[in-house]
Amino acid sequence: MKQLTTKLIILSSLIVIASCAALSPYNVPVLQGNIIEEDELDKLSVGLTKDQVQFIFGSALIKDPFHQTRWDYYNSIQIGEEVIQESKLSIKFDKDALVESWVFEKLSEDN
């Protein structure tokens, strides 16, 4: 009887350990930067003022004092260690502080 009890304890311990090893903690999605939607990009046009750009996209994540004619908007979504999506929007302004050009890049995207 004692042997059966010992075997049951060992078997139940193995089952508990195996089931706990299969569980992983929940990883919260981490959103960083400015979320850039397709309809917001459609509103962007040459000649907009800095105030108009800020109204559409919000404050730029990077306003480099050495490149005052360029604003950079960065966005990333990360779950745990895995980067799900990254994108960057760089807007260049002319000498009158009006939009001259822009580049939108999807740095990474998992689908």
C-alpha atoms as a PDB file:
ATOM      1  CA  MET A   1       0.000   0.000   0.000  1.00  0.00           C
ATOM      2  CA  LYS A   2       2.853   2.299   0.831  1.00  0.00           C
ATOM      3  CA  GLN A   3       4.401   1.664  -2.598  1.00  0.00           C
ATOM      4  CA  LEU A   4       1.139   2.606  -4.338  1.00  0.00           C
ATOM      5  CA  THR A   5       0.877   5.841  -2.352  1.00  0.00           C
ATOM      6  CA  THR A   6       4.462   6.769  -3.213  1.00  0.00           C
ATOM      7  CA  LYS A   7       3.862   6.069  -6.912  1.00  0.00           C
ATOM      8  CA  LEU A   8       0.677   8.195  -6.862  1.00  0.00           C
ATOM      9  CA  ILE A   9       2.517  11.082  -5.198  1.00  0.00           C
ATOM     10  CA  ILE A  10       5.331  10.905  -7.751  1.00  0.00           C
ATOM     11  CA  LEU A  11       2.880  10.650 -10.663  1.00  0.00           C
ATOM     12  CA  SER A  12       0.760  13.563  -9.439  1.00  0.00           C
ATOM     13  CA  SER A  13       3.907  15.651  -8.848  1.00  0.00           C
ATOM     14  CA  LEU A  14       5.059  14.988 -12.403  1.00  0.00           C
ATOM     15  CA  ILE A  15       1.653  15.974 -13.776  1.00  0.00           C
ATOM     16  CA  VAL A  16       1.659  19.226 -11.778  1.00  0.00           C
ATOM     17  CA  ILE A  17       5.210  20.098 -12.860  1.00  0.00           C
ATOM     18  CA  ALA A  18       4.466  19.320 -16.515  1.00  0.00           C
ATOM     19  CA  SER A  19       1.291  21.396 -16.506  1.00  0.00           C
ATOM     20  CA  CYS A  20       3.025  24.383 -14.895  1.00  0.00           C
ATOM     21  CA  ALA A  21       5.850  24.241 -17.414  1.00  0.00           C
ATOM     22  CA  ALA A  22       3.333  24.507 -20.256  1.00  0.00           C
ATOM     23  CA  LEU A  23       1.901  27.761 -18.865  1.00  0.00           C
ATOM     24  CA  SER A  24       3.543  31.014 -19.829  1.00  0.00           C
ATOM     25  CA  PRO A  25       2.875  34.406 -18.274  1.00  0.00           C
ATOM     26  CA  TYR A  26       0.676  36.892 -20.102  1.00  0.00           C
ATOM     27  CA  ASN A  27       2.731  39.513 -21.940  1.00  0.00           C
ATOM     28  CA  VAL A  28       1.085  42.904 -22.185  1.00  0.00           C
ATOM     29  CA  PRO A  29       1.302  44.606 -25.600  1.00  0.00           C
ATOM     30  CA  VAL A  30       3.463  47.721 -25.331  1.00  0.00           C
ATOM     31  CA  LEU A  31       2.628  50.566 -27.720  1.00  0.00           C
ATOM     32  CA  GLN A  32       5.251  53.285 -28.063  1.00  0.00           C
ATOM     33  CA  GLY A  33       5.309  56.494 -30.035  1.00  0.00           C
ATOM     34  CA  ASN A  34       2.643  58.005 -32.248  1.00  0.00           C
ATOM     35  CA  ILE A  35       0.070  55.754 -33.879  1.00  0.00           C
ATOM     36  CA  ILE A  36       0.000  56.637 -37.569  1.00  0.00           C
ATOM     37  CA  GLU A  37      -3.224  55.747 -39.353  1.00  0.00           C
ATOM     38  CA  GLU A  38      -3.671  55.539 -43.137  1.00  0.00           C
ATOM     39  CA  ASP A  39      -6.341  58.275 -43.139  1.00  0.00           C
ATOM     40  CA  GLU A  40      -3.958  60.616 -41.282  1.00  0.00           C
ATOM     41  CA  LEU A  41      -1.298  60.035 -43.940  1.00  0.00           C
ATOM     42  CA  ASP A  42      -3.884  60.937 -46.590  1.00  0.00           C
ATOM     43  CA  LYS A  43      -4.337  64.351 -44.892  1.00  0.00           C
ATOM     44  CA  LEU A  44      -0.623  65.108 -45.194  1.00  0.00           C
ATOM     45  CA  SER A  45       0.201  67.387 -48.131  1.00  0.00           C
ATOM     46  CA  VAL A  46       2.903  69.765 -49.283  1.00  0.00           C
ATOM     47  CA  GLY A  47       2.457  73.258 -47.854  1.00  0.00           C
ATOM     48  CA  LEU A  48       0.977  72.380 -44.453  1.00  0.00           C
ATOM     49  CA  THR A  49       2.288  74.377 -41.496  1.00  0.00           C
ATOM     50  CA  LYS A  50       3.967  72.796 -38.469  1.00  0.00           C
ATOM     51  CA  ASP A  51       0.843  73.526 -36.407  1.00  0.00           C
ATOM     52  CA  GLN A  52      -1.339  71.692 -38.931  1.00  0.00           C
ATOM     53  CA  VAL A  53       1.009  68.694 -38.940  1.00  0.00           C
ATOM     54  CA  GLN A  54       0.989  68.644 -35.138  1.00  0.00           C
ATOM     55  CA  PHE A  55      -2.832  68.782 -35.169  1.00  0.00           C
ATOM     56  CA  ILE A  56      -2.971  65.713 -37.450  1.00  0.00           C
ATOM     57  CA  PHE A  57      -0.249  63.535 -35.886  1.00  0.00           C
ATOM     58  CA  GLY A  58       0.336  65.017 -32.434  1.00  0.00           C
ATOM     59  CA  SER A  59       3.726  66.052 -31.114  1.00  0.00           C
ATOM     60  CA  ALA A  60       6.660  64.560 -32.952  1.00  0.00           C
ATOM     61  CA  LEU A  61       8.608  62.005 -30.975  1.00  0.00           C
ATOM     62  CA  ILE A  62      11.890  63.428 -32.230  1.00  0.00           C
ATOM     63  CA  LYS A  63      12.395  67.161 -32.807  1.00  0.00           C
ATOM     64  CA  ASP A  64      16.149  67.259 -33.266  1.00  0.00           C
ATOM     65  CA  PRO A  65      17.632  70.687 -32.485  1.00  0.00           C
ATOM     66  CA  PHE A  66      20.346  70.039 -35.093  1.00  0.00           C
ATOM     67  CA  HIS A  67      17.734  69.280 -37.802  1.00  0.00           C
ATOM     68  CA  GLN A  68      14.973  71.769 -37.092  1.00  0.00           C
ATOM     69  CA  THR A  69      13.511  71.246 -40.546  1.00  0.00           C
ATOM     70  CA  ARG A  70      12.721  67.576 -39.859  1.00  0.00           C
ATOM     71  CA  TRP A  71      10.251  65.912 -37.522  1.00  0.00           C
ATOM     72  CA  ASP A  72      10.281  62.174 -36.917  1.00  0.00           C
ATOM     73  CA  TYR A  73       7.298  60.156 -35.755  1.00  0.00           C
ATOM     74  CA  TYR A  74       8.044  56.624 -34.562  1.00  0.00           C
ATOM     75  CA  ASN A  75       5.629  53.838 -33.635  1.00  0.00           C
ATOM     76  CA  SER A  76       6.208  50.331 -32.319  1.00  0.00           C
ATOM     77  CA  ILE A  77       4.059  47.543 -30.915  1.00  0.00           C
ATOM     78  CA  GLN A  78       5.874  44.932 -28.872  1.00  0.00           C
ATOM     79  CA  ILE A  79       4.644  41.880 -26.964  1.00  0.00           C
ATOM     80  CA  GLY A  80       7.273  40.519 -24.623  1.00  0.00           C
ATOM     81  CA  GLU A  81      10.534  40.438 -26.562  1.00  0.00           C
ATOM     82  CA  GLU A  82       8.826  40.200 -29.964  1.00  0.00           C
ATOM     83  CA  VAL A  83       8.357  43.368 -32.024  1.00  0.00           C
ATOM     84  CA  ILE A  84       5.046  43.030 -33.858  1.00  0.00           C
ATOM     85  CA  GLN A  85       5.130  46.274 -35.826  1.00  0.00           C
ATOM     86  CA  GLU A  86       7.468  49.245 -36.292  1.00  0.00           C
ATOM     87  CA  SER A  87       7.005  52.288 -38.482  1.00  0.00           C
ATOM     88  CA  LYS A  88       8.603  55.691 -38.940  1.00  0.00           C
ATOM     89  CA  LEU A  89       7.361  58.895 -40.554  1.00  0.00           C
ATOM     90  CA  SER A  90       9.904  61.623 -41.342  1.00  0.00           C
ATOM     91  CA  ILE A  91       8.552  65.005 -42.391  1.00  0.00           C
ATOM     92  CA  LYS A  92      10.830  67.674 -43.854  1.00  0.00           C
ATOM     93  CA  PHE A  93       9.933  71.357 -43.757  1.00  0.00           C
ATOM     94  CA  ASP A  94      11.202  74.125 -46.042  1.00  0.00           C
ATOM     95  CA  LYS A  95      12.700  77.453 -44.908  1.00  0.00           C
ATOM     96  CA  ASP A  96       9.181  78.861 -44.358  1.00  0.00           C
ATOM     97  CA  ALA A  97       8.304  75.961 -41.992  1.00  0.00           C
ATOM     98  CA  LEU A  98       5.922  74.399 -44.514  1.00  0.00           C
ATOM     99  CA  VAL A  99       5.850  70.688 -45.395  1.00  0.00           C
ATOM    100  CA  GLU A 100       8.245  70.019 -48.234  1.00  0.00           C
ATOM    101  CA  SER A 101       8.339  66.205 -48.305  1.00  0.00           C
ATOM    102  CA  TRP A 102       7.840  63.106 -46.171  1.00  0.00           C
ATOM    103  CA  VAL A 103       8.825  59.453 -46.039  1.00  0.00           C
ATOM    104  CA  PHE A 104       6.763  56.738 -44.356  1.00  0.00           C
ATOM    105  CA  GLU A 105       8.540  53.434 -43.693  1.00  0.00           C
ATOM    106  CA  LYS A 106       7.239  50.203 -42.231  1.00  0.00           C
ATOM    107  CA  LEU A 107      10.362  48.929 -40.529  1.00  0.00           C
ATOM    108  CA  SER A 108       8.834  45.584 -39.562  1.00  0.00           C
ATOM    109  CA  GLU A 109       5.431  43.963 -39.550  1.00  0.00           C
ATOM    110  CA  ASP A 110       4.310  40.444 -38.686  1.00  0.00           C
ATOM    111  CA  ASN A 111       1.159  39.164 -40.343  1.00  0.00           C
END
